[in-house]
Protein backbone atom coordinates (compact mmCIF):
# COMPACT_ATOMS: atom_id res chain seq x y z
CA MET A 1 40.54 92.30 69.37
CA HIS A 2 43.03 91.27 72.04
CA LEU A 3 42.46 88.34 74.36
CA ARG A 4 43.20 90.56 77.33
CA ASP A 5 40.14 92.63 76.39
CA VAL A 6 37.80 89.63 76.68
CA PRO A 7 36.13 89.44 80.14
CA GLY A 8 37.53 86.40 81.92
CA GLY A 9 40.70 86.46 79.82
CA PRO A 10 42.06 83.56 77.72
CA ASP A 11 40.27 80.90 79.77
CA ALA A 12 36.82 82.35 79.09
CA PHE A 13 37.69 82.91 75.41
CA GLU A 14 38.84 79.31 75.06
CA LEU A 15 35.54 78.02 76.47
CA ALA A 16 33.59 80.31 74.14
CA ALA A 17 35.63 79.05 71.16
CA LYS A 18 35.00 75.42 72.12
CA PHE A 19 31.29 76.18 72.29
CA CYS A 20 31.43 77.58 68.75
CA TYR A 21 33.04 74.36 67.52
CA GLY A 22 30.45 72.17 69.18
CA VAL A 23 32.68 70.93 72.01
CA ARG A 24 30.62 70.02 75.06
CA LEU A 25 31.09 72.56 77.85
CA GLU A 26 31.03 71.77 81.54
CA LEU A 27 29.46 74.81 83.15
CA THR A 28 30.22 75.37 86.83
CA ALA A 29 29.49 78.01 89.44
CA THR A 30 33.04 79.33 89.10
CA ASN A 31 33.17 79.67 85.30
CA VAL A 32 29.60 80.58 84.34
CA VAL A 33 29.86 84.28 85.30
CA PRO A 34 33.12 85.00 83.39
CA LEU A 35 31.76 83.00 80.46
CA ARG A 36 28.48 84.93 80.49
CA CYS A 37 30.43 88.21 80.42
CA ALA A 38 32.65 86.94 77.61
CA ALA A 39 29.58 85.88 75.62
CA GLU A 40 28.15 89.37 76.00
CA TYR A 41 31.41 90.90 74.81
CA LEU A 42 31.48 88.52 71.81
CA GLU A 43 27.79 89.23 71.05
CA MET A 44 26.83 85.54 71.14
CA THR A 45 23.09 86.23 71.06
CA GLU A 46 20.09 84.30 69.71
CA GLU A 47 20.27 86.48 66.62
CA PHE A 48 23.20 84.40 65.41
CA GLY A 49 21.97 81.00 66.48
CA GLU A 50 19.36 79.40 68.69
CA GLY A 51 20.64 78.30 72.10
CA ASN A 52 23.67 80.54 71.81
CA LEU A 53 26.13 81.02 74.66
CA ILE A 54 24.35 83.97 76.32
CA ALA A 55 21.12 81.99 76.64
CA ARG A 56 22.98 78.85 77.79
CA THR A 57 24.91 80.62 80.54
CA GLU A 58 21.89 82.63 81.72
CA GLY A 59 19.79 79.48 81.97
CA PHE A 60 22.46 77.63 83.96
CA LEU A 61 22.97 80.61 86.25
CA SER A 62 19.30 81.12 87.08
CA GLN A 63 18.10 77.50 87.11
CA VAL A 64 21.08 75.78 88.75
CA VAL A 65 23.57 78.10 90.43
CA LEU A 66 21.31 80.66 92.10
CA ARG A 67 19.09 77.96 93.59
CA ASN A 68 21.94 76.56 95.66
CA TRP A 69 23.63 78.27 98.60
CA ARG A 70 27.24 77.26 98.02
CA GLU A 71 27.00 77.60 94.26
CA SER A 72 25.60 81.11 94.71
CA THR A 73 28.52 82.14 96.93
CA ARG A 74 31.02 80.66 94.48
CA ALA A 75 29.42 82.50 91.59
CA LEU A 76 29.49 85.74 93.58
CA HIS A 77 33.16 85.17 94.34
CA SER A 78 33.87 84.66 90.63
CA CYS A 79 32.30 88.07 89.87
CA GLU A 80 35.41 89.73 91.29
CA SER A 81 37.50 88.92 88.19
CA VAL A 82 34.92 90.48 85.84
CA PHE A 83 33.30 92.90 88.25
CA SER A 84 32.49 95.82 85.94
CA GLN A 85 30.89 93.57 83.30
CA ALA A 86 29.06 91.46 85.88
CA GLU A 87 27.77 94.62 87.53
CA GLU A 88 26.53 95.98 84.22
CA LEU A 89 24.73 92.70 83.47
CA VAL A 90 23.13 92.77 86.98
CA ILE A 91 24.76 89.44 87.80
CA VAL A 92 26.30 90.80 90.99
CA ASN A 93 22.89 91.90 92.27
CA MET A 94 21.39 88.54 91.38
CA CYS A 95 24.09 86.67 93.29
CA VAL A 96 23.89 88.99 96.31
CA ASP A 97 20.09 88.59 96.44
CA ALA A 98 20.38 84.81 96.17
CA VAL A 99 22.95 84.63 98.97
CA THR A 100 20.97 87.00 101.20
CA VAL A 101 17.66 85.17 100.78
CA LYS A 102 19.24 81.80 101.50
CA ALA A 103 21.00 83.10 104.62
CA CYS A 104 17.52 83.81 106.02
CA MET A 105 16.35 80.25 105.36
CA ASP A 106 16.56 77.13 107.48
CA PRO A 107 20.02 75.65 106.77
CA SER A 108 18.50 72.17 107.02
CA LEU A 109 16.76 72.85 103.73
CA LEU A 110 19.86 74.26 102.08
CA LEU A 111 22.65 71.98 103.27
CA GLY A 112 20.81 68.71 103.77
CA TRP A 113 21.21 68.65 107.55
CA PRO A 114 18.80 66.44 109.56
CA MET A 115 15.43 67.97 110.35
CA PRO A 116 13.92 67.54 113.85
CA ASN A 117 10.77 65.83 112.47
CA ASN A 118 12.57 63.66 109.94
CA PRO A 119 10.50 60.53 109.13
CA MET A 120 13.73 58.52 109.28
CA GLN A 121 14.18 59.51 112.93
CA SER A 122 13.50 56.89 115.58
CA PRO A 123 11.15 57.56 118.54
CA GLY A 124 14.20 57.79 120.81
CA GLY A 125 15.66 60.64 118.81
CA GLY A 126 18.28 58.65 116.88
CA PHE A 127 18.36 58.14 113.12
CA LEU A 128 17.30 55.03 111.25
CA TRP A 129 19.58 53.30 108.76
CA ASN A 130 17.80 50.47 106.96
CA GLY A 131 15.30 50.48 109.81
CA ILE A 132 18.00 50.19 112.49
CA SER A 133 18.50 52.98 115.03
CA THR A 134 21.99 54.42 114.93
CA GLY A 135 21.64 56.15 118.28
CA ALA A 136 22.89 59.40 116.74
CA ARG A 137 21.21 62.54 117.93
CA PRO A 138 20.25 65.33 115.53
CA LYS A 139 22.43 68.40 115.79
CA LYS A 140 20.80 71.78 115.75
CA PRO A 141 22.29 73.88 112.95
CA CYS A 142 24.55 76.65 114.25
CA SER A 143 23.67 80.26 113.55
CA ASP A 144 27.15 80.80 112.09
CA TRP A 145 26.78 78.20 109.33
CA TRP A 146 27.12 80.82 106.57
CA TYR A 147 30.02 82.87 107.99
CA GLU A 148 32.85 80.93 106.39
CA ASP A 149 31.33 80.81 102.91
CA ILE A 150 31.04 84.59 102.53
CA ALA A 151 34.33 85.35 104.31
CA VAL A 152 36.23 84.52 101.10
CA LEU A 153 34.64 87.46 99.30
CA SER A 154 36.53 90.66 98.66
CA LEU A 155 35.79 93.46 101.11
CA PRO A 156 33.52 95.45 98.72
CA LEU A 157 31.40 92.38 97.91
CA TYR A 158 31.34 91.25 101.52
CA LYS A 159 30.16 94.71 102.59
CA ARG A 160 27.45 94.59 99.95
CA VAL A 161 26.20 91.24 101.21
CA ILE A 162 26.13 92.42 104.84
CA ILE A 163 24.17 95.56 103.95
CA ALA A 164 21.70 93.45 101.95
CA MET A 165 21.31 91.08 104.91
CA GLU A 166 20.57 93.99 107.24
CA GLU A 167 17.90 95.22 104.83
CA LYS A 168 16.39 91.72 104.77
CA GLY A 169 16.04 91.82 108.55
CA ILE A 170 18.63 89.24 109.57
CA LYS A 171 19.23 89.41 113.33
CA PRO A 172 21.90 91.90 114.47
CA GLU A 173 23.57 89.10 116.45
CA SER A 174 24.12 87.12 113.26
CA ILE A 175 25.38 90.17 111.38
CA ALA A 176 27.79 90.97 114.22
CA GLY A 177 28.95 87.35 114.36
CA SER A 178 29.84 87.36 110.67
CA LEU A 179 31.67 90.69 110.98
CA MET A 180 33.70 89.42 113.95
CA ASP A 181 34.54 86.25 112.01
CA PHE A 182 35.68 88.32 109.02
CA ALA A 183 37.74 90.64 111.23
CA ARG A 184 39.51 87.77 112.99
CA ARG A 185 40.44 86.24 109.64
CA TYR A 186 42.10 89.34 108.22
CA LEU A 187 43.25 91.35 111.25
CA PRO A 188 46.08 89.33 112.84
CA ALA A 189 46.39 91.71 115.80
CA LEU A 190 42.98 90.54 117.05
CA ASN A 191 44.17 86.94 117.24
CA LYS A 192 47.41 87.79 119.03
CA ARG A 193 45.48 89.04 122.03
CA GLN A 194 42.72 86.44 122.04
CA GLY A 195 43.65 82.80 122.51
CA ALA A 196 42.26 79.79 120.67
CA LYS A 197 39.70 79.15 123.43
CA GLU A 198 38.20 82.61 122.97
CA LEU A 199 38.13 82.15 119.20
CA GLY A 200 36.11 78.97 119.37
CA GLY A 201 38.82 76.48 120.36
CA SER A 202 40.17 75.98 116.83
CA ASN A 203 42.82 77.22 114.45
CA ARG A 204 40.28 78.42 111.90
CA TYR A 205 41.85 81.90 111.87
CA SER A 206 45.46 80.77 111.52
CA SER A 207 45.07 79.35 108.00
CA LEU A 208 46.22 82.49 106.21
CA SER A 209 49.74 82.16 104.82
CA LEU A 210 52.20 84.99 105.30
CA SER A 211 51.81 85.95 101.64
CA SER A 212 48.02 86.25 101.96
CA ILE A 213 47.97 88.42 105.09
CA PRO A 214 46.67 91.86 104.09
CA SER A 215 49.08 94.77 104.23
CA GLU A 216 48.73 97.30 107.05
CA ALA A 217 47.02 99.73 104.67
CA GLU A 218 44.54 97.01 103.66
CA GLN A 219 43.98 96.00 107.29
CA LYS A 220 43.20 99.62 108.13
CA VAL A 221 40.50 99.72 105.43
CA ILE A 222 39.10 96.38 106.62
CA LEU A 223 38.95 97.57 110.23
CA GLU A 224 37.26 100.87 109.37
CA THR A 225 34.71 99.01 107.23
CA ILE A 226 34.01 96.46 109.98
CA GLU A 227 33.39 99.25 112.49
CA GLU A 228 31.06 101.00 110.05
CA LEU A 229 28.97 97.85 109.58
CA LEU A 230 28.78 96.68 113.21
CA PRO A 231 25.30 96.98 114.76
CA MET A 232 25.01 99.72 117.38
CA GLN A 233 22.73 97.81 119.76
CA LYS A 234 24.11 97.19 123.24
CA ALA A 235 25.54 93.74 124.03
CA VAL A 236 25.31 92.52 120.43
CA VAL A 237 29.10 92.74 120.11
CA PRO A 238 31.18 91.49 123.09
CA THR A 239 33.15 94.21 124.86
CA LYS A 240 36.29 92.07 124.64
CA PHE A 241 36.07 92.12 120.84
CA LEU A 242 35.47 95.88 120.78
CA SER A 243 38.49 96.39 123.02
CA GLY A 244 40.63 94.30 120.66
CA LEU A 245 39.25 96.23 117.71
CA LEU A 246 40.19 99.51 119.39
CA ARG A 247 43.71 98.23 120.07
CA SER A 248 44.05 97.30 116.40
CA ALA A 249 42.65 100.69 115.36
CA ILE A 250 45.29 102.41 117.48
CA ILE A 251 48.09 100.24 116.06
CA LEU A 252 46.93 100.66 112.44
CA ASN A 253 46.32 104.39 112.94
CA ALA A 254 42.70 104.20 111.83
CA ASN A 255 40.89 107.47 111.24
CA ALA A 256 39.68 109.46 114.24
CA HIS A 257 36.00 108.89 113.39
CA CYS A 258 36.49 105.11 113.51
CA LYS A 259 38.34 105.17 116.83
CA ASN A 260 35.82 107.55 118.35
CA ASN A 261 32.92 105.28 117.32
CA ILE A 262 34.59 102.24 118.86
CA GLU A 263 35.10 104.19 122.09
CA LYS A 264 31.41 105.09 122.06
CA ARG A 265 30.46 101.44 121.53
CA ILE A 266 32.57 100.40 124.53
CA GLY A 267 31.12 103.24 126.58
CA LEU A 268 27.62 102.07 125.69
CA GLN A 269 28.27 98.77 127.48
CA LEU A 270 31.11 99.66 129.84
CA ASP A 271 29.32 97.83 132.66
CA GLN A 272 30.05 94.59 130.76
CA ALA A 273 33.79 95.25 130.47
CA ASN A 274 36.57 93.84 132.61
CA LEU A 275 39.88 95.37 133.64
CA GLU A 276 41.87 93.82 130.79
CA ASP A 277 39.56 95.46 128.25
CA LEU A 278 40.64 98.91 129.47
CA LEU A 279 44.40 98.35 129.55
CA LEU A 280 44.97 100.00 126.19
CA PRO A 281 48.57 100.71 125.17
CA ASN A 282 49.61 104.33 124.88
CA LEU A 283 51.01 104.77 121.37
CA THR A 284 50.85 108.56 121.24
CA TYR A 285 53.94 110.49 120.24
CA ASN A 286 54.72 111.70 123.79
CA LEU A 287 54.38 108.24 125.46
CA GLU A 288 53.57 110.03 128.71
CA THR A 289 52.08 106.96 130.40
CA LEU A 290 52.22 103.23 129.78
CA TYR A 291 48.45 102.98 129.24
CA ASP A 292 46.19 105.32 127.30
CA ILE A 293 44.48 107.12 130.20
CA ASP A 294 42.88 109.72 127.93
CA CYS A 295 41.17 107.03 125.87
CA VAL A 296 39.67 105.42 128.98
CA GLN A 297 38.54 108.86 130.17
CA ARG A 298 36.68 109.38 126.87
CA ILE A 299 35.09 105.93 127.13
CA LEU A 300 33.98 106.71 130.68
CA ASP A 301 32.59 110.08 129.58
CA HIS A 302 30.46 108.33 126.94
CA PHE A 303 29.11 105.95 129.57
CA LEU A 304 28.36 108.67 132.11
CA LEU A 305 26.62 110.84 129.52
CA LEU A 306 24.39 107.93 128.52
CA ASP A 307 23.83 106.94 132.15
CA GLN A 308 22.84 110.48 133.08
CA THR A 309 20.40 110.59 130.17
CA ASN A 310 18.76 107.30 131.12
CA ARG A 311 18.80 107.80 134.90
CA PRO A 312 15.41 108.65 136.49
CA ILE A 313 15.03 112.19 137.85
CA SER A 314 14.25 110.75 141.27
CA SER A 315 17.05 108.27 141.87
CA PRO A 316 15.82 105.00 143.41
CA SER A 317 19.19 104.55 145.05
CA SER A 318 18.62 107.13 147.78
CA ASP A 319 15.93 107.98 150.30
CA ASP A 320 14.49 111.37 151.28
CA GLU A 321 17.49 112.12 153.51
CA GLY A 322 19.99 111.29 150.81
CA HIS A 323 21.06 107.99 152.37
CA MET A 324 21.68 105.06 150.10
CA ILE A 325 19.12 102.29 150.05
CA SER A 326 20.40 98.74 149.75
CA SER A 327 19.75 96.97 146.46
CA PRO A 328 19.85 93.23 145.75
CA SER A 329 21.99 93.86 142.64
CA LEU A 330 24.51 96.41 141.45
CA THR A 331 23.39 99.04 138.97
CA PRO A 332 25.49 99.61 135.81
CA THR A 333 26.92 102.78 137.38
CA MET A 334 28.02 100.87 140.49
CA MET A 335 29.62 98.17 138.35
CA VAL A 336 31.55 100.74 136.31
CA ALA A 337 32.63 102.61 139.46
CA ARG A 338 34.07 99.37 140.84
CA LEU A 339 35.74 98.68 137.50
CA MET A 340 37.33 102.14 137.43
CA ASP A 341 38.62 101.74 140.98
CA GLY A 342 40.38 98.58 139.82
CA TYR A 343 41.70 100.42 136.78
CA LEU A 344 43.06 103.24 138.94
CA ALA A 345 44.87 100.73 141.13
CA GLU A 346 46.38 99.15 138.01
CA VAL A 347 47.66 102.40 136.49
CA ALA A 348 48.58 104.11 139.78
CA PRO A 349 52.15 102.63 139.89
CA ASP A 350 53.00 104.55 136.69
CA VAL A 351 55.32 107.36 137.86
CA ASN A 352 54.32 109.45 134.83
CA LEU A 353 50.64 109.48 135.77
CA LYS A 354 49.67 113.05 136.62
CA LEU A 355 47.39 113.95 139.50
CA PRO A 356 44.69 115.69 137.36
CA LYS A 357 44.16 112.55 135.28
CA PHE A 358 44.05 110.31 138.36
CA GLN A 359 41.69 112.71 140.10
CA SER A 360 39.40 113.06 137.08
CA LEU A 361 38.77 109.32 136.95
CA ALA A 362 38.45 109.00 140.73
CA GLU A 363 35.89 111.78 141.08
CA ALA A 364 33.80 110.94 138.02
CA PHE A 365 31.05 109.17 139.97
CA PRO A 366 28.40 110.40 142.41
CA ASP A 367 28.66 109.25 146.02
CA PHE A 368 25.95 106.59 145.69
CA ALA A 369 27.85 104.83 142.87
CA ARG A 370 30.29 103.16 145.28
CA VAL A 371 28.94 100.51 147.62
CA SER A 372 32.41 100.29 149.11
CA ASN A 373 35.36 102.69 148.88
CA ASP A 374 37.98 100.02 149.53
CA GLY A 375 39.02 99.89 145.86
CA LEU A 376 39.44 103.65 145.71
CA TYR A 377 41.42 103.68 148.99
CA ARG A 378 43.80 101.10 147.58
CA ALA A 379 44.32 103.05 144.36
CA ILE A 380 44.99 106.31 146.27
CA ASP A 381 47.40 104.53 148.56
CA ILE A 382 49.40 103.12 145.63
CA PHE A 383 49.40 106.48 143.87
CA LEU A 384 50.69 108.33 146.94
CA LYS A 385 53.51 105.83 147.47
CA VAL A 386 54.90 106.02 143.92
CA SER A 387 54.28 109.73 143.27
CA SER A 388 57.23 111.04 145.24
CA ALA A 389 57.24 114.25 143.20
CA LEU A 390 53.88 115.32 144.56
CA SER A 391 54.07 118.41 146.68
CA ILE A 392 52.95 118.37 150.30
CA LEU A 393 49.94 120.49 149.34
CA LEU A 394 48.78 118.01 146.69
CA ARG A 395 49.28 115.08 149.05
CA LEU A 396 47.20 116.92 151.66
CA PHE A 397 44.48 117.50 149.04
CA LEU A 398 44.32 113.79 148.22
CA CYS A 399 44.27 112.83 151.88
CA VAL A 400 41.38 115.22 152.55
CA ASN A 401 39.39 113.60 149.75
CA TYR A 402 40.43 110.21 151.12
CA VAL A 403 38.98 111.11 154.53
CA ARG A 404 35.84 112.53 152.91
CA CYS A 405 35.28 109.18 151.18
CA MET A 406 35.68 107.39 154.52
CA VAL A 407 33.09 109.65 156.17
CA THR A 408 30.66 109.12 153.28
CA SER A 409 31.21 105.37 153.50
CA HIS A 410 30.51 105.45 157.24
CA GLN A 411 27.27 107.39 156.68
CA ILE A 412 26.14 104.85 154.11
CA LEU A 413 26.81 101.93 156.47
CA VAL A 414 24.91 103.63 159.28
CA SER A 415 21.89 104.19 157.03
CA LEU A 416 21.67 100.53 155.96
């Protein structure tokens, strides 16, 4: 037998040897799993002595470690060094179940935080210390209290915990919050774009040393896994985060399925995006334009397809004569049309932008989608000024469409 063959290595073997010689062991959440695996390997069963090491470690694991949130996460983390043995002994499943169940519980019961109806709370809401009111107000536990504890897990174990939490019915918002926290910790490109204020006003994501930053290949796997696990519901994940994730996916050359899914997610809630979210760098081999126009076109196509599917057959935005009826608020289609007009004005100065791509974005919406055509006029004006290579015929074509938009706008104003 070689020490390297013992699960947990020399450290676990040393503890097992001390146990054999009657030396008192200090079991902890970090050493109990490797020691349990080593005891199994060394066949330290009740057959050779009552209260042997297998029974001792199992009792400590079930009666002490798995009843405590932080101890459970530490034990799960320690499974990584003896994963195959811990998996075979069902320890990994036990730890995952313990962590998942406790994440569903009131953190006040797990972490000792003040409860709203605490008998030591004064009538004014403060807390009593020796019968004296401290004036302190109880803080409501944050929904992200468990994010940091499971973020130290390896990606396979973290993924396993997230899937188990989804099966337990934890809210998609909480699942998404944990995934965004995990992504920001291990994908540096996300933090370069988003400032400290957007990340919660702290440096919690800048603690990784240069030596601990995952390689690009590892970051690619992390990103693709994060995208796979993100809930699909609209508005659960902020559009700004999805945009940053797509930028990172482009930089890390993530697989096409991953990038396409992120584009669909953005398209699903494009009405919640802002202009900065769409200014995606063009990293294709031809570098035709500064920004990735094709990517934005695909995102817009996803939105329009969904919008067309969900739109009533009889549009409430027009009357029997086809004139637009005023609405107290903008519809998602109107909001996206205004957003795209701003985007066109932003990309129009690019001398490499071809007319078909400009035209495709400009004509993507029905007439009723624009309350005002001012944004489109501005974009066309900028495009005409910088596109000196356009032929007279193409310029005439754009101008005709420009005039048509003005006539449509005038008809809308008259009908209001």
